[in-house]
């Protein structure tokens, strides 16, 4: 059975005066209907660029230089901007980090929701309003009729993020890409938003790509995860297996740096030394080698390939 979404050897470059830099390097991913997938890594790992590339939202000077993106059996990576509008915001929706940057401050919530629907469907304003009300109720917004008449600044951060989720649901998409959807929210609201996304994916049978640096959230919400580092996937597979038995030293370091994972009294949290390399200065061999405690000579000369590590996990490490 074909996958809902497939990324094959995806490469994204940014054209600079000094030459192109590779932001995404040979990424392979699949997503099935109703499945939840987490993209995890530090800032600069390439998570958001991967998400943006799926719906062709990469700003110039960025461009997809190689690979294929297949959605519902169609290769969409070569679609024109006009044809891509049939997919973007319709069959594949995106939830961005900051709801105040997504919502237009000079228009009411109702206007923006109705406009979104009418952009993708031939539908009357009254019917669009009814669908908007239905979606607001689905994301548990109180007094939805009143919210339609309000402006974004009149709502709390958590309420605005629920509005964004409601907008992403308007066209009943097959996939939602959530890019750090809880970054600007406090801890209590974060939990509510993640529970809501999980609930909606189950009830609507939607697939979810969750882009985040928070392994705690990923372990609770996703079935599969892919860990990214310097534009590459270095470990992927079943979330439970990776969280309990990480293979790659980078994944291991991420998990051990979470409070609560170090249970030996008096021991400090594990800290991964160094920083993520810049795209203009990625070291030869394994990009993680300057920070890795398992490093051997081969790690500085040869780039490791993803290989089967057992139990539904694949990892790119010479030493394991």
C-alpha atoms as a PDB file:
ATOM      1  CA  UNK A   1       0.000   0.000   0.000  1.00  0.00           C
ATOM      2  CA  UNK A   2       1.507   3.387  -0.999  1.00  0.00           C
ATOM      3  CA  UNK A   3       2.359   5.934   1.672  1.00  0.00           C
ATOM      4  CA  UNK A   4       0.388   9.165   2.024  1.00  0.00           C
ATOM      5  CA  UNK A   5       3.599  11.216   1.899  1.00  0.00           C
ATOM      6  CA  UNK A   6       7.088  10.245   0.764  1.00  0.00           C
ATOM      7  CA  UNK A   7      10.321  12.225   0.762  1.00  0.00           C
ATOM      8  CA  UNK A   8      13.057  10.656  -1.360  1.00  0.00           C
ATOM      9  CA  UNK A   9      16.651  11.896  -1.117  1.00  0.00           C
ATOM     10  CA  UNK A  10      15.440  15.470  -0.479  1.00  0.00           C
ATOM     11  CA  UNK A  11      18.109  18.153  -0.763  1.00  0.00           C
ATOM     12  CA  UNK A  12      17.499  21.853  -0.093  1.00  0.00           C
ATOM     13  CA  UNK A  13      20.119  24.500  -0.853  1.00  0.00           C
ATOM     14  CA  UNK A  14      20.453  28.211  -0.187  1.00  0.00           C
ATOM     15  CA  UNK A  15      22.238  30.197  -2.869  1.00  0.00           C
ATOM     16  CA  UNK A  16      24.740  32.656  -1.386  1.00  0.00           C
ATOM     17  CA  UNK A  17      27.328  34.892  -3.038  1.00  0.00           C
ATOM     18  CA  UNK A  18      30.046  32.603  -1.726  1.00  0.00           C
ATOM     19  CA  UNK A  19      28.305  29.539  -3.175  1.00  0.00           C
ATOM     20  CA  UNK A  20      25.413  27.241  -2.309  1.00  0.00           C
ATOM     21  CA  UNK A  21      25.054  25.802   1.168  1.00  0.00           C
ATOM     22  CA  UNK A  22      23.156  22.582   1.816  1.00  0.00           C
ATOM     23  CA  UNK A  23      20.469  22.927   4.488  1.00  0.00           C
ATOM     24  CA  UNK A  24      18.793  19.530   3.947  1.00  0.00           C
ATOM     25  CA  UNK A  25      21.008  16.682   2.800  1.00  0.00           C
ATOM     26  CA  UNK A  26      19.440  13.484   1.470  1.00  0.00           C
ATOM     27  CA  UNK A  27      16.384  13.210   3.731  1.00  0.00           C
ATOM     28  CA  UNK A  28      14.137  10.161   3.292  1.00  0.00           C
ATOM     29  CA  UNK A  29      10.813  10.041   5.147  1.00  0.00           C
ATOM     30  CA  UNK A  30       7.416   8.372   4.840  1.00  0.00           C
ATOM     31  CA  UNK A  31       4.073   9.160   6.463  1.00  0.00           C
ATOM     32  CA  UNK A  32       0.884   7.116   6.399  1.00  0.00           C
ATOM     33  CA  UNK A  33      -2.719   8.228   6.866  1.00  0.00           C
ATOM     34  CA  UNK A  34      -3.495   8.921  10.517  1.00  0.00           C
ATOM     35  CA  UNK A  35       0.142   8.484  11.571  1.00  0.00           C
ATOM     36  CA  UNK A  36       2.023  10.858  13.885  1.00  0.00           C
ATOM     37  CA  UNK A  37       5.687  11.597  13.167  1.00  0.00           C
ATOM     38  CA  UNK A  38       8.067  13.752  15.219  1.00  0.00           C
ATOM     39  CA  UNK A  39      10.989  15.697  13.722  1.00  0.00           C
ATOM     40  CA  UNK A  40      13.443  16.362  16.540  1.00  0.00           C
ATOM     41  CA  UNK A  41      16.734  18.218  16.946  1.00  0.00           C
ATOM     42  CA  UNK A  42      18.427  21.407  18.070  1.00  0.00           C
ATOM     43  CA  UNK A  43      17.910  24.750  16.354  1.00  0.00           C
ATOM     44  CA  UNK A  44      19.620  24.672  12.974  1.00  0.00           C
ATOM     45  CA  UNK A  45      19.179  20.923  12.480  1.00  0.00           C
ATOM     46  CA  UNK A  46      16.905  21.410   9.452  1.00  0.00           C
ATOM     47  CA  UNK A  47      13.540  20.438  10.964  1.00  0.00           C
ATOM     48  CA  UNK A  48      11.550  23.515   9.912  1.00  0.00           C
ATOM     49  CA  UNK A  49      13.165  23.668   6.457  1.00  0.00           C
ATOM     50  CA  UNK A  50      12.083  20.057   5.911  1.00  0.00           C
ATOM     51  CA  UNK A  51       8.513  20.964   6.907  1.00  0.00           C
ATOM     52  CA  UNK A  52       8.463  24.077   4.725  1.00  0.00           C
ATOM     53  CA  UNK A  53       9.853  22.193   1.732  1.00  0.00           C
ATOM     54  CA  UNK A  54       6.948  19.717   1.813  1.00  0.00           C
ATOM     55  CA  UNK A  55       4.512  22.531   0.957  1.00  0.00           C
ATOM     56  CA  UNK A  56       7.066  24.518  -1.080  1.00  0.00           C
ATOM     57  CA  UNK A  57       7.240  27.445   1.343  1.00  0.00           C
ATOM     58  CA  UNK A  58      11.001  27.890   1.192  1.00  0.00           C
ATOM     59  CA  UNK A  59      11.878  31.538   0.663  1.00  0.00           C
ATOM     60  CA  UNK A  60      14.507  32.582  -1.836  1.00  0.00           C
ATOM     61  CA  UNK A  61      17.451  32.139  -2.016  1.00  0.00           C
ATOM     62  CA  UNK A  62      16.419  28.654  -0.850  1.00  0.00           C
ATOM     63  CA  UNK A  63      15.348  26.007  -3.336  1.00  0.00           C
ATOM     64  CA  UNK A  64      14.831  22.238  -3.625  1.00  0.00           C
ATOM     65  CA  UNK A  65      17.897  21.104  -5.520  1.00  0.00           C
ATOM     66  CA  UNK A  66      17.344  17.342  -5.573  1.00  0.00           C
ATOM     67  CA  UNK A  67      14.926  14.587  -4.607  1.00  0.00           C
ATOM     68  CA  UNK A  68      11.191  13.954  -4.760  1.00  0.00           C
ATOM     69  CA  UNK A  69       8.192  14.821  -2.592  1.00  0.00           C
ATOM     70  CA  UNK A  70       5.264  12.504  -3.319  1.00  0.00           C
ATOM     71  CA  UNK A  71       1.820  13.177  -1.855  1.00  0.00           C
ATOM     72  CA  UNK A  72      -1.082  10.798  -2.529  1.00  0.00           C
ATOM     73  CA  UNK A  73       0.881   9.247  -5.385  1.00  0.00           C
ATOM     74  CA  UNK A  74       1.633  12.590  -7.108  1.00  0.00           C
ATOM     75  CA  UNK A  75       5.059  14.189  -7.196  1.00  0.00           C
ATOM     76  CA  UNK A  76       4.396  17.709  -5.894  1.00  0.00           C
ATOM     77  CA  UNK A  77       7.991  18.980  -5.649  1.00  0.00           C
ATOM     78  CA  UNK A  78       7.837  20.165  -9.268  1.00  0.00           C
ATOM     79  CA  UNK A  79       4.377  21.789  -8.987  1.00  0.00           C
ATOM     80  CA  UNK A  80       3.967  25.419 -10.033  1.00  0.00           C
ATOM     81  CA  UNK A  81       3.045  27.927  -7.339  1.00  0.00           C
ATOM     82  CA  UNK A  82      -0.518  28.070  -8.663  1.00  0.00           C
ATOM     83  CA  UNK A  83      -0.923  24.287  -8.617  1.00  0.00           C
ATOM     84  CA  UNK A  84       0.695  24.088  -5.191  1.00  0.00           C
ATOM     85  CA  UNK A  85      -2.095  26.289  -3.782  1.00  0.00           C
ATOM     86  CA  UNK A  86      -4.472  23.352  -4.339  1.00  0.00           C
ATOM     87  CA  UNK A  87      -2.351  21.377  -1.855  1.00  0.00           C
ATOM     88  CA  UNK A  88      -1.014  24.018   0.555  1.00  0.00           C
ATOM     89  CA  UNK A  89      -3.512  25.050   3.215  1.00  0.00           C
ATOM     90  CA  UNK A  90      -6.039  22.657   1.708  1.00  0.00           C
ATOM     91  CA  UNK A  91      -4.828  19.045   1.709  1.00  0.00           C
ATOM     92  CA  UNK A  92      -1.712  19.803   3.757  1.00  0.00           C
ATOM     93  CA  UNK A  93      -2.052  22.472   6.466  1.00  0.00           C
ATOM     94  CA  UNK A  94       0.653  24.046   8.610  1.00  0.00           C
ATOM     95  CA  UNK A  95       0.586  25.396  12.151  1.00  0.00           C
ATOM     96  CA  UNK A  96       3.347  27.947  12.702  1.00  0.00           C
ATOM     97  CA  UNK A  97       5.249  28.800  15.886  1.00  0.00           C
ATOM     98  CA  UNK A  98       3.755  32.193  16.667  1.00  0.00           C
ATOM     99  CA  UNK A  99      -0.009  32.638  16.181  1.00  0.00           C
ATOM    100  CA  UNK A 100       0.321  36.449  16.213  1.00  0.00           C
ATOM    101  CA  UNK A 101       2.562  36.201  13.146  1.00  0.00           C
ATOM    102  CA  UNK A 102       0.003  33.971  11.401  1.00  0.00           C
ATOM    103  CA  UNK A 103      -3.204  35.876  12.150  1.00  0.00           C
ATOM    104  CA  UNK A 104      -3.765  39.256  10.527  1.00  0.00           C
ATOM    105  CA  UNK A 105      -4.266  41.819  13.335  1.00  0.00           C
ATOM    106  CA  UNK A 106      -6.601  44.076  11.298  1.00  0.00           C
ATOM    107  CA  UNK A 107      -9.218  41.436  10.436  1.00  0.00           C
ATOM    108  CA  UNK A 108     -11.611  39.548  12.692  1.00  0.00           C
ATOM    109  CA  UNK A 109     -11.183  35.818  13.303  1.00  0.00           C
ATOM    110  CA  UNK A 110     -14.383  35.165  11.365  1.00  0.00           C
ATOM    111  CA  UNK A 111     -13.226  37.123   8.311  1.00  0.00           C
ATOM    112  CA  UNK A 112      -9.939  35.198   8.205  1.00  0.00           C
ATOM    113  CA  UNK A 113     -11.593  31.805   8.593  1.00  0.00           C
ATOM    114  CA  UNK A 114     -14.243  32.513   5.958  1.00  0.00           C
ATOM    115  CA  UNK A 115     -11.629  33.874   3.550  1.00  0.00           C
ATOM    116  CA  UNK A 116      -9.515  30.708   3.997  1.00  0.00           C
ATOM    117  CA  UNK A 117     -12.467  28.469   3.157  1.00  0.00           C
ATOM    118  CA  UNK A 118     -13.579  30.525   0.154  1.00  0.00           C
ATOM    119  CA  UNK A 119     -10.018  30.486  -1.207  1.00  0.00           C
ATOM    120  CA  UNK A 120     -10.166  26.689  -1.502  1.00  0.00           C
ATOM    121  CA  UNK A 121     -13.857  25.931  -2.012  1.00  0.00           C
ATOM    122  CA  UNK A 122     -16.768  27.356  -3.969  1.00  0.00           C
ATOM    123  CA  UNK A 123     -18.903  28.034  -0.945  1.00  0.00           C
ATOM    124  CA  UNK A 124     -21.228  30.778   0.267  1.00  0.00           C
ATOM    125  CA  UNK A 125     -20.244  33.089   3.096  1.00  0.00           C
ATOM    126  CA  UNK A 126     -23.026  31.693   5.293  1.00  0.00           C
ATOM    127  CA  UNK A 127     -21.916  28.090   4.743  1.00  0.00           C
ATOM    128  CA  UNK A 128     -18.286  29.054   5.361  1.00  0.00           C
ATOM    129  CA  UNK A 129     -19.288  30.725   8.620  1.00  0.00           C
ATOM    130  CA  UNK A 130     -21.111  27.572   9.742  1.00  0.00           C
ATOM    131  CA  UNK A 131     -18.042  25.427   9.026  1.00  0.00           C
ATOM    132  CA  UNK A 132     -15.865  27.940  10.906  1.00  0.00           C
ATOM    133  CA  UNK A 133     -18.180  27.693  13.943  1.00  0.00           C
ATOM    134  CA  UNK A 134     -18.071  23.892  13.774  1.00  0.00           C
ATOM    135  CA  UNK A 135     -14.248  23.864  13.748  1.00  0.00           C
ATOM    136  CA  UNK A 136     -14.048  26.339  16.653  1.00  0.00           C
ATOM    137  CA  UNK A 137     -16.269  24.020  18.673  1.00  0.00           C
ATOM    138  CA  UNK A 138     -14.049  21.078  17.695  1.00  0.00           C
ATOM    139  CA  UNK A 139     -11.011  22.772  19.271  1.00  0.00           C
ATOM    140  CA  UNK A 140     -13.032  23.474  22.442  1.00  0.00           C
ATOM    141  CA  UNK A 141     -13.248  27.248  22.133  1.00  0.00           C
ATOM    142  CA  UNK A 142     -15.969  28.698  24.395  1.00  0.00           C
ATOM    143  CA  UNK A 143     -18.553  31.102  22.904  1.00  0.00           C
ATOM    144  CA  UNK A 144     -17.435  30.472  19.286  1.00  0.00           C
ATOM    145  CA  UNK A 145     -19.970  32.945  17.843  1.00  0.00           C
ATOM    146  CA  UNK A 146     -18.398  35.709  19.908  1.00  0.00           C
ATOM    147  CA  UNK A 147     -14.842  34.695  18.926  1.00  0.00           C
ATOM    148  CA  UNK A 148     -15.661  35.068  15.237  1.00  0.00           C
ATOM    149  CA  UNK A 149     -16.307  38.769  15.802  1.00  0.00           C
ATOM    150  CA  UNK A 150     -13.099  39.360  17.781  1.00  0.00           C
ATOM    151  CA  UNK A 151      -9.645  40.450  16.635  1.00  0.00           C
ATOM    152  CA  UNK A 152      -6.480  38.420  17.406  1.00  0.00           C
ATOM    153  CA  UNK A 153      -5.210  40.881  20.033  1.00  0.00           C
ATOM    154  CA  UNK A 154      -8.403  40.354  22.071  1.00  0.00           C
ATOM    155  CA  UNK A 155      -7.558  36.684  22.643  1.00  0.00           C
ATOM    156  CA  UNK A 156      -5.010  34.948  24.884  1.00  0.00           C
ATOM    157  CA  UNK A 157      -1.999  33.099  23.453  1.00  0.00           C
ATOM    158  CA  UNK A 158      -3.580  29.702  24.057  1.00  0.00           C
ATOM    159  CA  UNK A 159      -6.848  30.823  22.473  1.00  0.00           C
ATOM    160  CA  UNK A 160      -5.025  32.192  19.420  1.00  0.00           C
ATOM    161  CA  UNK A 161      -3.193  28.886  18.968  1.00  0.00           C
ATOM    162  CA  UNK A 162      -6.526  27.028  19.123  1.00  0.00           C
ATOM    163  CA  UNK A 163      -7.823  29.419  16.434  1.00  0.00           C
ATOM    164  CA  UNK A 164      -4.814  28.534  14.255  1.00  0.00           C
ATOM    165  CA  UNK A 165      -5.525  24.838  14.731  1.00  0.00           C
ATOM    166  CA  UNK A 166      -9.189  25.444  13.840  1.00  0.00           C
ATOM    167  CA  UNK A 167      -8.096  27.274  10.661  1.00  0.00           C
ATOM    168  CA  UNK A 168      -5.809  24.372   9.744  1.00  0.00           C
ATOM    169  CA  UNK A 169      -8.807  22.017  10.082  1.00  0.00           C
ATOM    170  CA  UNK A 170     -11.174  24.071   7.899  1.00  0.00           C
ATOM    171  CA  UNK A 171     -10.522  22.115   4.697  1.00  0.00           C
ATOM    172  CA  UNK A 172     -10.268  18.685   6.389  1.00  0.00           C
ATOM    173  CA  UNK A 173      -6.596  18.199   5.433  1.00  0.00           C
ATOM    174  CA  UNK A 174      -4.896  14.815   5.179  1.00  0.00           C
ATOM    175  CA  UNK A 175      -1.751  16.128   6.897  1.00  0.00           C
ATOM    176  CA  UNK A 176      -1.043  18.825   9.470  1.00  0.00           C
ATOM    177  CA  UNK A 177       2.544  20.035   9.867  1.00  0.00           C
ATOM    178  CA  UNK A 178       2.933  21.597  13.325  1.00  0.00           C
ATOM    179  CA  UNK A 179       6.115  23.664  13.615  1.00  0.00           C
ATOM    180  CA  UNK A 180       6.897  24.145  17.330  1.00  0.00           C
ATOM    181  CA  UNK A 181       3.175  24.783  18.001  1.00  0.00           C
ATOM    182  CA  UNK A 182       3.620  25.418  21.737  1.00  0.00           C
ATOM    183  CA  UNK A 183       6.829  27.471  21.852  1.00  0.00           C
ATOM    184  CA  UNK A 184       5.223  30.781  22.874  1.00  0.00           C
ATOM    185  CA  UNK A 185       2.860  29.244  25.444  1.00  0.00           C
ATOM    186  CA  UNK A 186       3.195  28.461  29.134  1.00  0.00           C
ATOM    187  CA  UNK A 187       3.572  24.843  30.280  1.00  0.00           C
ATOM    188  CA  UNK A 188      -0.084  24.244  31.212  1.00  0.00           C
ATOM    189  CA  UNK A 189      -1.383  25.569  27.886  1.00  0.00           C
ATOM    190  CA  UNK A 190       1.315  23.602  26.019  1.00  0.00           C
ATOM    191  CA  UNK A 191      -0.058  20.359  27.446  1.00  0.00           C
ATOM    192  CA  UNK A 192      -3.616  21.317  26.496  1.00  0.00           C
ATOM    193  CA  UNK A 193      -2.634  22.153  22.904  1.00  0.00           C
ATOM    194  CA  UNK A 194      -0.702  18.887  22.464  1.00  0.00           C
ATOM    195  CA  UNK A 195      -3.606  16.868  23.916  1.00  0.00           C
ATOM    196  CA  UNK A 196      -5.924  18.665  21.499  1.00  0.00           C
ATOM    197  CA  UNK A 197      -3.727  17.893  18.470  1.00  0.00           C
ATOM    198  CA  UNK A 198      -3.503  14.249  19.473  1.00  0.00           C
ATOM    199  CA  UNK A 199      -7.271  14.054  19.991  1.00  0.00           C
ATOM    200  CA  UNK A 200      -7.970  15.624  16.586  1.00  0.00           C
ATOM    201  CA  UNK A 201      -5.568  13.304  14.758  1.00  0.00           C
ATOM    202  CA  UNK A 202      -7.328  10.294  16.256  1.00  0.00           C
ATOM    203  CA  UNK A 203     -10.879  11.548  15.660  1.00  0.00           C
ATOM    204  CA  UNK A 204     -10.269  12.927  12.146  1.00  0.00           C
ATOM    205  CA  UNK A 205      -7.735  10.256  11.051  1.00  0.00           C
ATOM    206  CA  UNK A 206      -5.288  12.997  10.064  1.00  0.00           C
ATOM    207  CA  UNK A 207      -1.543  12.516   9.819  1.00  0.00           C
ATOM    208  CA  UNK A 208       0.642  14.829  11.917  1.00  0.00           C
ATOM    209  CA  UNK A 209       4.243  15.936  11.486  1.00  0.00           C
ATOM    210  CA  UNK A 210       5.330  17.504  14.766  1.00  0.00           C
ATOM    211  CA  UNK A 211       8.464  19.645  14.513  1.00  0.00           C
ATOM    212  CA  UNK A 212       9.984  20.248  17.937  1.00  0.00           C
ATOM    213  CA  UNK A 213      13.110  20.221  20.074  1.00  0.00           C
ATOM    214  CA  UNK A 214      11.120  18.819  23.005  1.00  0.00           C
ATOM    215  CA  UNK A 215      11.656  15.062  23.291  1.00  0.00           C
ATOM    216  CA  UNK A 216       9.180  14.903  26.163  1.00  0.00           C
ATOM    217  CA  UNK A 217       6.366  16.081  23.871  1.00  0.00           C
ATOM    218  CA  UNK A 218       7.451  13.766  21.047  1.00  0.00           C
ATOM    219  CA  UNK A 219       7.490  10.719  23.329  1.00  0.00           C
ATOM    220  CA  UNK A 220       3.900  11.403  24.405  1.00  0.00           C
ATOM    221  CA  UNK A 221       2.355  12.346  21.065  1.00  0.00           C
ATOM    222  CA  UNK A 222       4.110  10.539  18.175  1.00  0.00           C
ATOM    223  CA  UNK A 223       4.291   6.949  16.986  1.00  0.00           C
ATOM    224  CA  UNK A 224       7.502   7.433  14.997  1.00  0.00           C
ATOM    225  CA  UNK A 225      10.268   9.996  15.186  1.00  0.00           C
ATOM    226  CA  UNK A 226      13.250  11.175  13.164  1.00  0.00           C
ATOM    227  CA  UNK A 227      16.198  12.872  14.848  1.00  0.00           C
ATOM    228  CA  UNK A 228      17.935  15.479  12.672  1.00  0.00           C
ATOM    229  CA  UNK A 229      21.434  16.894  12.919  1.00  0.00           C
ATOM    230  CA  UNK A 230      23.123  19.332  10.501  1.00  0.00           C
ATOM    231  CA  UNK A 231      20.534  18.708   7.771  1.00  0.00           C
ATOM    232  CA  UNK A 232      20.555  14.909   7.954  1.00  0.00           C
ATOM    233  CA  UNK A 233      18.407  12.294   9.660  1.00  0.00           C
ATOM    234  CA  UNK A 234      20.749  10.453  12.024  1.00  0.00           C
ATOM    235  CA  UNK A 235      18.201   8.195  13.738  1.00  0.00           C
ATOM    236  CA  UNK A 236      14.605   7.257  12.960  1.00  0.00           C
ATOM    237  CA  UNK A 237      12.048   4.656  13.878  1.00  0.00           C
ATOM    238  CA  UNK A 238       9.497   3.826  16.543  1.00  0.00           C
ATOM    239  CA  UNK A 239       9.324   6.553  19.188  1.00  0.00           C
ATOM    240  CA  UNK A 240       9.092   4.186  22.161  1.00  0.00           C
ATOM    241  CA  UNK A 241      12.161   2.263  21.062  1.00  0.00           C
ATOM    242  CA  UNK A 242      14.275   5.358  20.413  1.00  0.00           C
ATOM    243  CA  UNK A 243      13.343   7.022  23.704  1.00  0.00           C
ATOM    244  CA  UNK A 244      14.011   3.876  25.748  1.00  0.00           C
ATOM    245  CA  UNK A 245      17.010   2.569  23.778  1.00  0.00           C
ATOM    246  CA  UNK A 246      18.669   5.376  21.745  1.00  0.00           C
ATOM    247  CA  UNK A 247      21.340   4.184  19.333  1.00  0.00           C
ATOM    248  CA  UNK A 248      23.037   7.372  18.097  1.00  0.00           C
ATOM    249  CA  UNK A 249      25.191   9.210  20.694  1.00  0.00           C
ATOM    250  CA  UNK A 250      23.439  12.488  19.817  1.00  0.00           C
ATOM    251  CA  UNK A 251      19.976  11.036  20.509  1.00  0.00           C
ATOM    252  CA  UNK A 252      21.336   9.513  23.707  1.00  0.00           C
ATOM    253  CA  UNK A 253      22.655  12.908  24.797  1.00  0.00           C
ATOM    254  CA  UNK A 254      19.334  14.633  24.026  1.00  0.00           C
ATOM    255  CA  UNK A 255      17.388  12.114  26.102  1.00  0.00           C
ATOM    256  CA  UNK A 256      19.814  12.149  29.042  1.00  0.00           C
ATOM    257  CA  UNK A 257      19.701  15.953  29.160  1.00  0.00           C
ATOM    258  CA  UNK A 258      15.971  15.889  30.044  1.00  0.00           C
ATOM    259  CA  UNK A 259      15.296  16.444  33.763  1.00  0.00           C
ATOM    260  CA  UNK A 260      14.085  13.238  35.358  1.00  0.00           C
ATOM    261  CA  UNK A 261      16.126  10.875  33.190  1.00  0.00           C
ATOM    262  CA  UNK A 262      19.172  10.973  35.485  1.00  0.00           C
ATOM    263  CA  UNK A 263      18.101   9.076  38.577  1.00  0.00           C
ATOM    264  CA  UNK A 264      21.461   8.580  40.314  1.00  0.00           C
ATOM    265  CA  UNK A 265      21.474  10.865  43.383  1.00  0.00           C
ATOM    266  CA  UNK A 266      24.049  13.637  43.181  1.00  0.00           C
ATOM    267  CA  UNK A 267      24.649  13.225  39.433  1.00  0.00           C
ATOM    268  CA  UNK A 268      24.360  16.205  37.081  1.00  0.00           C
ATOM    269  CA  UNK A 269      22.267  16.186  33.934  1.00  0.00           C
ATOM    270  CA  UNK A 270      24.203  15.116  30.859  1.00  0.00           C
ATOM    271  CA  UNK A 271      25.304  18.017  28.681  1.00  0.00           C
ATOM    272  CA  UNK A 272      26.298  17.531  25.048  1.00  0.00           C
ATOM    273  CA  UNK A 273      29.555  19.472  24.619  1.00  0.00           C
ATOM    274  CA  UNK A 274      29.961  22.038  21.856  1.00  0.00           C
ATOM    275  CA  UNK A 275      27.351  23.403  19.465  1.00  0.00           C
ATOM    276  CA  UNK A 276      25.566  22.457  16.270  1.00  0.00           C
ATOM    277  CA  UNK A 277      27.916  23.331  13.344  1.00  0.00           C
ATOM    278  CA  UNK A 278      26.888  26.137  11.009  1.00  0.00           C
ATOM    279  CA  UNK A 279      25.825  25.144   7.497  1.00  0.00           C
ATOM    280  CA  UNK A 280      28.943  26.805   6.098  1.00  0.00           C
ATOM    281  CA  UNK A 281      31.254  24.831   8.386  1.00  0.00           C
ATOM    282  CA  UNK A 282      29.989  21.244   8.617  1.00  0.00           C
ATOM    283  CA  UNK A 283      32.913  18.962   9.560  1.00  0.00           C
ATOM    284  CA  UNK A 284      33.930  16.098   7.249  1.00  0.00           C
ATOM    285  CA  UNK A 285      32.759  12.599   8.024  1.00  0.00           C
ATOM    286  CA  UNK A 286      30.035  12.424  10.667  1.00  0.00           C
ATOM    287  CA  UNK A 287      28.877  15.988  11.385  1.00  0.00           C
ATOM    288  CA  UNK A 288      28.493  15.092  15.073  1.00  0.00           C
ATOM    289  CA  UNK A 289      32.077  13.853  15.495  1.00  0.00           C
ATOM    290  CA  UNK A 290      33.515  16.972  17.257  1.00  0.00           C
ATOM    291  CA  UNK A 291      30.949  16.481  20.055  1.00  0.00           C
ATOM    292  CA  UNK A 292      30.904  12.685  20.222  1.00  0.00           C
ATOM    293  CA  UNK A 293      32.432  10.631  23.037  1.00  0.00           C
ATOM    294  CA  UNK A 294      32.613   7.522  20.800  1.00  0.00           C
ATOM    295  CA  UNK A 295      34.597   9.218  18.012  1.00  0.00           C
ATOM    296  CA  UNK A 296      37.166   7.138  16.117  1.00  0.00           C
ATOM    297  CA  UNK A 297      39.283   7.962  13.058  1.00  0.00           C
ATOM    298  CA  UNK A 298      36.637   6.750  10.592  1.00  0.00           C
ATOM    299  CA  UNK A 299      34.132   9.252  12.035  1.00  0.00           C
ATOM    300  CA  UNK A 300      36.255  12.181  10.799  1.00  0.00           C
ATOM    301  CA  UNK A 301      36.588  10.926   7.212  1.00  0.00           C
ATOM    302  CA  UNK A 302      33.530   8.867   6.228  1.00  0.00           C
ATOM    303  CA  UNK A 303      29.887   9.943   6.455  1.00  0.00           C
ATOM    304  CA  UNK A 304      27.830   7.168   8.099  1.00  0.00           C
ATOM    305  CA  UNK A 305      24.730   5.863   6.338  1.00  0.00           C
ATOM    306  CA  UNK A 306      21.445   4.986   8.037  1.00  0.00           C
ATOM    307  CA  UNK A 307      21.464   1.265   8.851  1.00  0.00           C
ATOM    308  CA  UNK A 308      19.059  -1.093  10.571  1.00  0.00           C
ATOM    309  CA  UNK A 309      19.785  -1.097  14.310  1.00  0.00           C
ATOM    310  CA  UNK A 310      16.953  -3.539  15.107  1.00  0.00           C
ATOM    311  CA  UNK A 311      13.601  -3.119  16.856  1.00  0.00           C
ATOM    312  CA  UNK A 312      12.278  -0.822  14.139  1.00  0.00           C
ATOM    313  CA  UNK A 313      15.089   1.746  14.499  1.00  0.00           C
ATOM    314  CA  UNK A 314      17.599   2.984  11.916  1.00  0.00           C
ATOM    315  CA  UNK A 315      20.706   4.947  12.901  1.00  0.00           C
ATOM    316  CA  UNK A 316      23.693   6.559  11.166  1.00  0.00           C
ATOM    317  CA  UNK A 317      26.688   5.782  13.401  1.00  0.00           C
ATOM    318  CA  UNK A 318      29.971   3.995  12.651  1.00  0.00           C
ATOM    319  CA  UNK A 319      30.442   2.942  16.249  1.00  0.00           C
ATOM    320  CA  UNK A 320      27.051   1.300  16.793  1.00  0.00           C
END
